[in-house]
C-alpha atoms as a PDB file:
ATOM      1  CA  MET A   1      73.923 121.311 111.496  1.00  0.00           C
ATOM      2  CA  ARG A   2      70.604 122.863 110.651  1.00  0.00           C
ATOM      3  CA  VAL A   3      67.868 120.484 111.397  1.00  0.00           C
ATOM      4  CA  ALA A   4      63.956 120.134 110.510  1.00  0.00           C
ATOM      5  CA  ILE A   5      61.925 118.065 112.778  1.00  0.00           C
ATOM      6  CA  ALA A   6      58.429 116.509 111.492  1.00  0.00           C
ATOM      7  CA  GLU A   7      56.691 114.329 114.318  1.00  0.00           C
ATOM      8  CA  ASP A   8      53.196 114.162 115.254  1.00  0.00           C
ATOM      9  CA  SER A   9      53.805 113.680 119.128  1.00  0.00           C
ATOM     10  CA  VAL A  10      54.264 117.105 120.713  1.00  0.00           C
ATOM     11  CA  LEU A  11      56.264 115.548 123.503  1.00  0.00           C
ATOM     12  CA  LEU A  12      58.578 113.565 121.232  1.00  0.00           C
ATOM     13  CA  ARG A  13      58.881 116.554 118.665  1.00  0.00           C
ATOM     14  CA  GLU A  14      59.863 118.803 121.483  1.00  0.00           C
ATOM     15  CA  GLY A  15      62.124 116.221 123.219  1.00  0.00           C
ATOM     16  CA  LEU A  16      64.200 115.652 119.991  1.00  0.00           C
ATOM     17  CA  ALA A  17      64.428 119.284 119.509  1.00  0.00           C
ATOM     18  CA  GLY A  18      65.909 119.831 122.941  1.00  0.00           C
ATOM     19  CA  LEU A  19      68.193 116.816 122.478  1.00  0.00           C
ATOM     20  CA  LEU A  20      69.562 118.076 119.249  1.00  0.00           C
ATOM     21  CA  GLU A  21      70.226 121.623 120.514  1.00  0.00           C
ATOM     22  CA  ARG A  22      72.144 120.248 123.678  1.00  0.00           C
ATOM     23  CA  PHE A  23      74.458 118.464 121.104  1.00  0.00           C
ATOM     24  CA  GLY A  24      74.862 121.884 119.311  1.00  0.00           C
ATOM     25  CA  HIS A  25      72.674 121.722 116.340  1.00  0.00           C
ATOM     26  CA  THR A  26      70.221 124.212 115.328  1.00  0.00           C
ATOM     27  CA  VAL A  27      66.607 123.211 115.036  1.00  0.00           C
ATOM     28  CA  VAL A  28      65.213 125.578 112.480  1.00  0.00           C
ATOM     29  CA  ALA A  29      61.651 124.284 112.100  1.00  0.00           C
ATOM     30  CA  SER A  30      59.459 121.576 114.626  1.00  0.00           C
ATOM     31  CA  VAL A  31      56.274 120.504 112.829  1.00  0.00           C
ATOM     32  CA  GLY A  32      53.570 118.245 113.418  1.00  0.00           C
ATOM     33  CA  ASP A  33      52.360 117.403 109.922  1.00  0.00           C
ATOM     34  CA  ALA A  34      53.855 116.380 106.165  1.00  0.00           C
ATOM     35  CA  PRO A  35      52.523 119.629 104.332  1.00  0.00           C
ATOM     36  CA  SER A  36      54.151 121.771 107.395  1.00  0.00           C
ATOM     37  CA  LEU A  37      57.478 120.110 106.981  1.00  0.00           C
ATOM     38  CA  VAL A  38      57.304 120.439 102.938  1.00  0.00           C
ATOM     39  CA  ALA A  39      56.799 124.482 103.629  1.00  0.00           C
ATOM     40  CA  ALA A  40      59.453 124.252 106.352  1.00  0.00           C
ATOM     41  CA  VAL A  41      62.088 122.975 103.779  1.00  0.00           C
ATOM     42  CA  GLU A  42      61.218 125.278 101.480  1.00  0.00           C
ATOM     43  CA  GLU A  43      61.552 128.410 103.988  1.00  0.00           C
ATOM     44  CA  HIS A  44      64.372 127.224 105.973  1.00  0.00           C
ATOM     45  CA  ARG A  45      66.600 125.189 103.938  1.00  0.00           C
ATOM     46  CA  PRO A  46      67.934 122.914 106.504  1.00  0.00           C
ATOM     47  CA  ASP A  47      70.750 120.366 105.894  1.00  0.00           C
ATOM     48  CA  ILE A  48      68.567 117.341 107.427  1.00  0.00           C
ATOM     49  CA  VAL A  49      65.064 116.496 108.164  1.00  0.00           C
ATOM     50  CA  VAL A  50      63.848 114.055 110.928  1.00  0.00           C
ATOM     51  CA  VAL A  51      60.589 112.635 109.741  1.00  0.00           C
ATOM     52  CA  ASP A  52      58.110 110.106 111.129  1.00  0.00           C
ATOM     53  CA  VAL A  53      56.256 107.731 108.720  1.00  0.00           C
ATOM     54  CA  ARG A  54      52.709 108.092 110.102  1.00  0.00           C
ATOM     55  CA  MET A  55      51.535 111.447 110.277  1.00  0.00           C
ATOM     56  CA  PRO A  56      48.300 113.905 109.995  1.00  0.00           C
ATOM     57  CA  PRO A  57      45.895 113.716 108.354  1.00  0.00           C
ATOM     58  CA  GLY A  58      45.620 110.145 107.685  1.00  0.00           C
ATOM     59  CA  PHE A  59      48.365 108.468 109.963  1.00  0.00           C
ATOM     60  CA  THR A  60      49.364 106.022 107.217  1.00  0.00           C
ATOM     61  CA  ASP A  61      52.622 107.024 105.100  1.00  0.00           C
ATOM     62  CA  GLU A  62      52.415 110.827 104.866  1.00  0.00           C
ATOM     63  CA  GLY A  63      55.780 111.398 106.175  1.00  0.00           C
ATOM     64  CA  LEU A  64      57.422 109.116 103.794  1.00  0.00           C
ATOM     65  CA  ARG A  65      55.833 110.377 100.815  1.00  0.00           C
ATOM     66  CA  ALA A  66      56.579 113.912 101.828  1.00  0.00           C
ATOM     67  CA  ALA A  67      60.259 112.746 102.349  1.00  0.00           C
ATOM     68  CA  LEU A  68      60.325 111.520  98.490  1.00  0.00           C
ATOM     69  CA  VAL A  69      58.884 114.495  97.389  1.00  0.00           C
ATOM     70  CA  LEU A  70      61.575 116.483  99.267  1.00  0.00           C
ATOM     71  CA  ARG A  71      64.397 114.275  98.016  1.00  0.00           C
ATOM     72  CA  VAL A  72      63.152 115.058  94.256  1.00  0.00           C
ATOM     73  CA  ASP A  73      62.787 118.509  94.701  1.00  0.00           C
ATOM     74  CA  HIS A  74      66.214 119.149  97.042  1.00  0.00           C
ATOM     75  CA  PRO A  75      68.451 116.220  95.819  1.00  0.00           C
ATOM     76  CA  ASP A  76      71.119 117.220  98.443  1.00  0.00           C
ATOM     77  CA  LEU A  77      68.657 117.341 101.304  1.00  0.00           C
ATOM     78  CA  ALA A  78      69.477 114.506 104.019  1.00  0.00           C
ATOM     79  CA  VAL A  79      66.431 112.713 105.198  1.00  0.00           C
ATOM     80  CA  LEU A  80      66.521 110.818 108.685  1.00  0.00           C
ATOM     81  CA  VAL A  81      63.259 108.456 108.932  1.00  0.00           C
ATOM     82  CA  LEU A  82      62.579 107.883 112.527  1.00  0.00           C
ATOM     83  CA  SER A  83      59.493 105.792 112.985  1.00  0.00           C
ATOM     84  CA  GLN A  84      57.682 102.768 114.815  1.00  0.00           C
ATOM     85  CA  TYR A  85      56.917 101.023 111.543  1.00  0.00           C
ATOM     86  CA  VAL A  86      58.628  99.765 108.296  1.00  0.00           C
ATOM     87  CA  GLU A  87      56.519 101.083 105.472  1.00  0.00           C
ATOM     88  CA  GLN A  88      57.554  98.841 102.721  1.00  0.00           C
ATOM     89  CA  THR A  89      55.828 100.392 100.073  1.00  0.00           C
ATOM     90  CA  TYR A  90      57.928 103.454  99.971  1.00  0.00           C
ATOM     91  CA  ALA A  91      60.859 102.694 102.156  1.00  0.00           C
ATOM     92  CA  ALA A  92      63.191 101.255  99.476  1.00  0.00           C
ATOM     93  CA  GLU A  93      62.265 103.804  96.996  1.00  0.00           C
ATOM     94  CA  LEU A  94      63.645 106.674  99.458  1.00  0.00           C
ATOM     95  CA  LEU A  95      66.613 104.735 100.401  1.00  0.00           C
ATOM     96  CA  GLY A  96      67.369 104.297  96.701  1.00  0.00           C
ATOM     97  CA  SER A  97      66.761 108.081  96.057  1.00  0.00           C
ATOM     98  CA  GLY A  98      70.048 110.262  95.456  1.00  0.00           C
ATOM     99  CA  ARG A  99      71.793 106.920  94.893  1.00  0.00           C
ATOM    100  CA  GLY A 100      71.125 106.233  98.687  1.00  0.00           C
ATOM    101  CA  ALA A 101      73.540 109.039  99.950  1.00  0.00           C
ATOM    102  CA  GLY A 102      72.317 111.292 102.811  1.00  0.00           C
ATOM    103  CA  ILE A 103      69.577 108.697 103.972  1.00  0.00           C
ATOM    104  CA  GLY A 104      68.631 106.863 106.979  1.00  0.00           C
ATOM    105  CA  TYR A 105      65.835 104.845 108.480  1.00  0.00           C
ATOM    106  CA  LEU A 106      65.802 104.095 112.258  1.00  0.00           C
ATOM    107  CA  LEU A 107      63.240 102.364 114.409  1.00  0.00           C
ATOM    108  CA  LYS A 108      62.077 104.299 117.497  1.00  0.00           C
ATOM    109  CA  GLU A 109      62.084 101.617 119.944  1.00  0.00           C
ATOM    110  CA  ARG A 110      65.462 100.033 118.802  1.00  0.00           C
ATOM    111  CA  ILE A 111      67.374 103.445 119.771  1.00  0.00           C
ATOM    112  CA  GLY A 112      69.167 102.628 122.879  1.00  0.00           C
ATOM    113  CA  ASP A 113      71.855 105.463 123.086  1.00  0.00           C
ATOM    114  CA  VAL A 114      71.395 108.904 122.628  1.00  0.00           C
ATOM    115  CA  GLY A 115      74.941 109.579 121.411  1.00  0.00           C
ATOM    116  CA  GLU A 116      74.708 106.857 118.715  1.00  0.00           C
ATOM    117  CA  PHE A 117      71.410 108.551 117.455  1.00  0.00           C
ATOM    118  CA  VAL A 118      73.148 111.815 117.073  1.00  0.00           C
ATOM    119  CA  ASP A 119      76.017 110.246 115.503  1.00  0.00           C
ATOM    120  CA  ALA A 120      73.774 108.559 112.974  1.00  0.00           C
ATOM    121  CA  LEU A 121      72.071 111.851 112.274  1.00  0.00           C
ATOM    122  CA  VAL A 122      75.440 113.380 111.578  1.00  0.00           C
ATOM    123  CA  ARG A 123      76.643 110.481 109.403  1.00  0.00           C
ATOM    124  CA  VAL A 124      73.380 110.989 107.179  1.00  0.00           C
ATOM    125  CA  ALA A 125      73.681 114.807 107.132  1.00  0.00           C
ATOM    126  CA  GLU A 126      77.320 113.822 105.670  1.00  0.00           C
ATOM    127  CA  GLY A 127      75.987 111.853 102.847  1.00  0.00           C
ATOM    128  CA  GLY A 128      76.049 108.381 104.775  1.00  0.00           C
ATOM    129  CA  THR A 129      73.431 105.673 104.803  1.00  0.00           C
ATOM    130  CA  VAL A 130      72.285 104.277 108.171  1.00  0.00           C
ATOM    131  CA  VAL A 131      69.438 101.810 108.079  1.00  0.00           C
ATOM    132  CA  ASP A 132      68.307  99.804 111.131  1.00  0.00           C
ATOM    133  CA  PRO A 133      69.001  96.009 110.817  1.00  0.00           C
ATOM    134  CA  GLU A 134      65.388  95.367 111.441  1.00  0.00           C
ATOM    135  CA  VAL A 135      64.477  97.517 108.382  1.00  0.00           C
ATOM    136  CA  VAL A 136      67.084  95.729 106.239  1.00  0.00           C
ATOM    137  CA  ARG A 137      65.385  92.384 107.297  1.00  0.00           C
ATOM    138  CA  GLN A 138      62.026  93.240 106.484  1.00  0.00           C
ATOM    139  CA  LEU A 139      62.830  94.675 103.156  1.00  0.00           C
ATOM    140  CA  LEU A 140      64.964  91.660 102.087  1.00  0.00           C
ATOM    141  CA  SER A 141      62.262  89.257 103.241  1.00  0.00           C
ATOM    142  CA  GLY A 142      61.179  87.293 100.229  1.00  0.00           C
ATOM    143  CA  ARG A 143      63.724  88.502  97.620  1.00  0.00           C
ATOM    144  CA  ARG A 144      65.919  86.670  95.071  1.00  0.00           C
ATOM    145  CA  ASP A 145      68.335  87.875  92.198  1.00  0.00           C
ATOM    146  CA  PRO A 146      71.002  89.062  92.381  1.00  0.00           C
ATOM    147  CA  LEU A 147      70.993  88.067  96.030  1.00  0.00           C
ATOM    148  CA  ARG A 148      70.911  84.323  95.512  1.00  0.00           C
ATOM    149  CA  ARG A 149      74.517  84.405  94.105  1.00  0.00           C
ATOM    150  CA  LEU A 150      75.632  85.462  97.503  1.00  0.00           C
ATOM    151  CA  THR A 151      76.775  82.996 100.328  1.00  0.00           C
ATOM    152  CA  PRO A 152      75.153  83.164 103.872  1.00  0.00           C
ATOM    153  CA  ARG A 153      78.162  84.913 105.180  1.00  0.00           C
ATOM    154  CA  GLU A 154      78.317  87.617 102.245  1.00  0.00           C
ATOM    155  CA  LEU A 155      74.383  88.285 103.117  1.00  0.00           C
ATOM    156  CA  GLU A 156      75.067  88.923 106.766  1.00  0.00           C
ATOM    157  CA  VAL A 157      77.966  91.269 105.756  1.00  0.00           C
ATOM    158  CA  LEU A 158      75.994  93.161 103.254  1.00  0.00           C
ATOM    159  CA  ALA A 159      73.188  93.504 106.012  1.00  0.00           C
ATOM    160  CA  LEU A 160      76.174  95.042 108.123  1.00  0.00           C
ATOM    161  CA  ILE A 161      77.207  97.157 105.356  1.00  0.00           C
ATOM    162  CA  ALA A 162      73.649  98.580 105.010  1.00  0.00           C
ATOM    163  CA  GLU A 163      73.494  99.616 108.594  1.00  0.00           C
ATOM    164  CA  GLY A 164      76.457 102.113 107.715  1.00  0.00           C
ATOM    165  CA  ARG A 165      78.827  99.890 109.398  1.00  0.00           C
ATOM    166  CA  SER A 166      82.789 100.225 108.787  1.00  0.00           C
ATOM    167  CA  ASN A 167      84.964  97.014 107.865  1.00  0.00           C
ATOM    168  CA  ALA A 168      86.269  97.050 111.370  1.00  0.00           C
ATOM    169  CA  SER A 169      82.910  97.266 112.807  1.00  0.00           C
ATOM    170  CA  ILE A 170      81.621  94.476 110.890  1.00  0.00           C
ATOM    171  CA  ALA A 171      84.526  92.240 111.548  1.00  0.00           C
ATOM    172  CA  ARG A 172      83.953  92.969 115.432  1.00  0.00           C
ATOM    173  CA  ALA A 173      80.213  91.958 115.042  1.00  0.00           C
ATOM    174  CA  LEU A 174      81.081  88.685 113.000  1.00  0.00           C
ATOM    175  CA  PHE A 175      84.442  87.622 115.058  1.00  0.00           C
ATOM    176  CA  VAL A 176      86.460  87.753 111.918  1.00  0.00           C
ATOM    177  CA  THR A 177      89.300  89.764 110.948  1.00  0.00           C
ATOM    178  CA  ASP A 178      89.381  92.775 108.957  1.00  0.00           C
ATOM    179  CA  ALA A 179      90.757  91.091 106.048  1.00  0.00           C
ATOM    180  CA  ALA A 180      88.072  88.321 105.846  1.00  0.00           C
ATOM    181  CA  VAL A 181      85.483  91.215 106.029  1.00  0.00           C
ATOM    182  CA  ALA A 182      87.352  93.014 102.939  1.00  0.00           C
ATOM    183  CA  LYS A 183      87.322  89.648 101.064  1.00  0.00           C
ATOM    184  CA  HIS A 184      83.906  89.152 101.499  1.00  0.00           C
ATOM    185  CA  ILE A 185      83.188  92.736 100.488  1.00  0.00           C
ATOM    186  CA  ALA A 186      85.158  92.186  97.274  1.00  0.00           C
ATOM    187  CA  SER A 187      83.336  88.971  96.550  1.00  0.00           C
ATOM    188  CA  ILE A 188      79.813  90.852  96.983  1.00  0.00           C
ATOM    189  CA  PHE A 189      81.092  93.683  94.481  1.00  0.00           C
ATOM    190  CA  ALA A 190      82.036  91.053  91.812  1.00  0.00           C
ATOM    191  CA  LYS A 191      78.792  89.124  92.238  1.00  0.00           C
ATOM    192  CA  LEU A 192      76.632  91.967  92.149  1.00  0.00           C
ATOM    193  CA  ASP A 193      78.583  92.978  88.974  1.00  0.00           C
ATOM    194  CA  LEU A 194      79.244  96.534  90.481  1.00  0.00           C
ATOM    195  CA  PRO A 195      81.763  98.731  88.517  1.00  0.00           C
ATOM    196  CA  PRO A 196      85.303  99.604  89.534  1.00  0.00           C
ATOM    197  CA  ALA A 197      84.737 102.780  91.608  1.00  0.00           C
ATOM    198  CA  ALA A 198      85.280 104.281  95.182  1.00  0.00           C
ATOM    199  CA  ASP A 199      84.829 101.890  97.573  1.00  0.00           C
ATOM    200  CA  GLY A 200      82.336 104.002  99.561  1.00  0.00           C
ATOM    201  CA  HIS A 201      80.198 104.503  96.157  1.00  0.00           C
ATOM    202  CA  ARG A 202      80.193 100.732  95.649  1.00  0.00           C
ATOM    203  CA  ARG A 203      79.027 100.096  99.114  1.00  0.00           C
ATOM    204  CA  VAL A 204      75.902 102.362  98.430  1.00  0.00           C
ATOM    205  CA  LEU A 205      75.192 100.534  95.075  1.00  0.00           C
ATOM    206  CA  ALA A 206      75.359  96.974  96.996  1.00  0.00           C
ATOM    207  CA  VAL A 207      72.864  98.267  99.606  1.00  0.00           C
ATOM    208  CA  LEU A 208      70.621  99.401  96.711  1.00  0.00           C
ATOM    209  CA  ALA A 209      70.907  96.050  95.045  1.00  0.00           C
ATOM    210  CA  PHE A 210      70.157  94.292  98.379  1.00  0.00           C
ATOM    211  CA  LEU A 211      66.727  96.507  98.592  1.00  0.00           C
ATOM    212  CA  GLN A 212      65.715  96.556  95.047  1.00  0.00           C
ATOM    213  CA  ALA A 213      66.120  92.890  94.206  1.00  0.00           C
ATOM    214  CA  GLU A 214      62.928  91.527  92.658  1.00  0.00           C
ATOM    215  CA  PRO A 215      60.463  89.510  94.968  1.00  0.00           C
ATOM    216  CA  ARG A 216      60.096  85.893  94.633  1.00  0.00           C
END
C-alpha cells in the first residue's frame, strides 16, 4: 500500500513510517500539519492516509476536517484516524462519508498490538470499516431512534459490527453460536428497515444508522 501519514509528533510520525515500511508498505508522505497532508495527497495520490485529529496550527480538529475535505475531493481515498481523542463534532460525519467504506477511527492508547493495527490499516485500505469500541460508545451516548427498536443484545452486536468484526468474531466475544449472531444481525437489518442488499453493504448501513441516530 501507498500510505500518507499526518501526525504532529515527530517521534510518532517517524515511528509509524518505520513500522509500516517493515510490514512492506510504502510511506509516500510524512507530514506534521493538515495543509501539508492535503498537498501531499494531491501530489502522491496514496491509497490511504493515517491522520491525527488535533494538529497545527490550532490543535483542535484540523486533521479531522482535512480528512473530510479529502474524502469529498477523493471519494476512493481510505482514511484511518489515529488519535487520543473522540472528536464528536465531525467523527460521525467522517464515518458516514463514502457510505462508510474505507474508513477507520482508532484511539492511540487502546492499540495494544502492532500486527492488529497494521491489519486494521489494510482492512480500511481495502474498503472496510474499523472503529474503536470506545469511539462507538461515545458517539452512541444519548441517542435514540431508530436504535430504541433494538434489544440490548442487538445493540451489543451492532457495536461489535461497528468495530469491523466478522460474525465468528462477534460470536466469540459474546459467547454465543454463529447462528445466534446471524439471527441477531437479520433482526437488526429488519428493525432498521434496511433494503435487501449484499450483507457487507447492509452492515455498513446499519453502523451508519447507529452513528447518525438523532440525539435525545
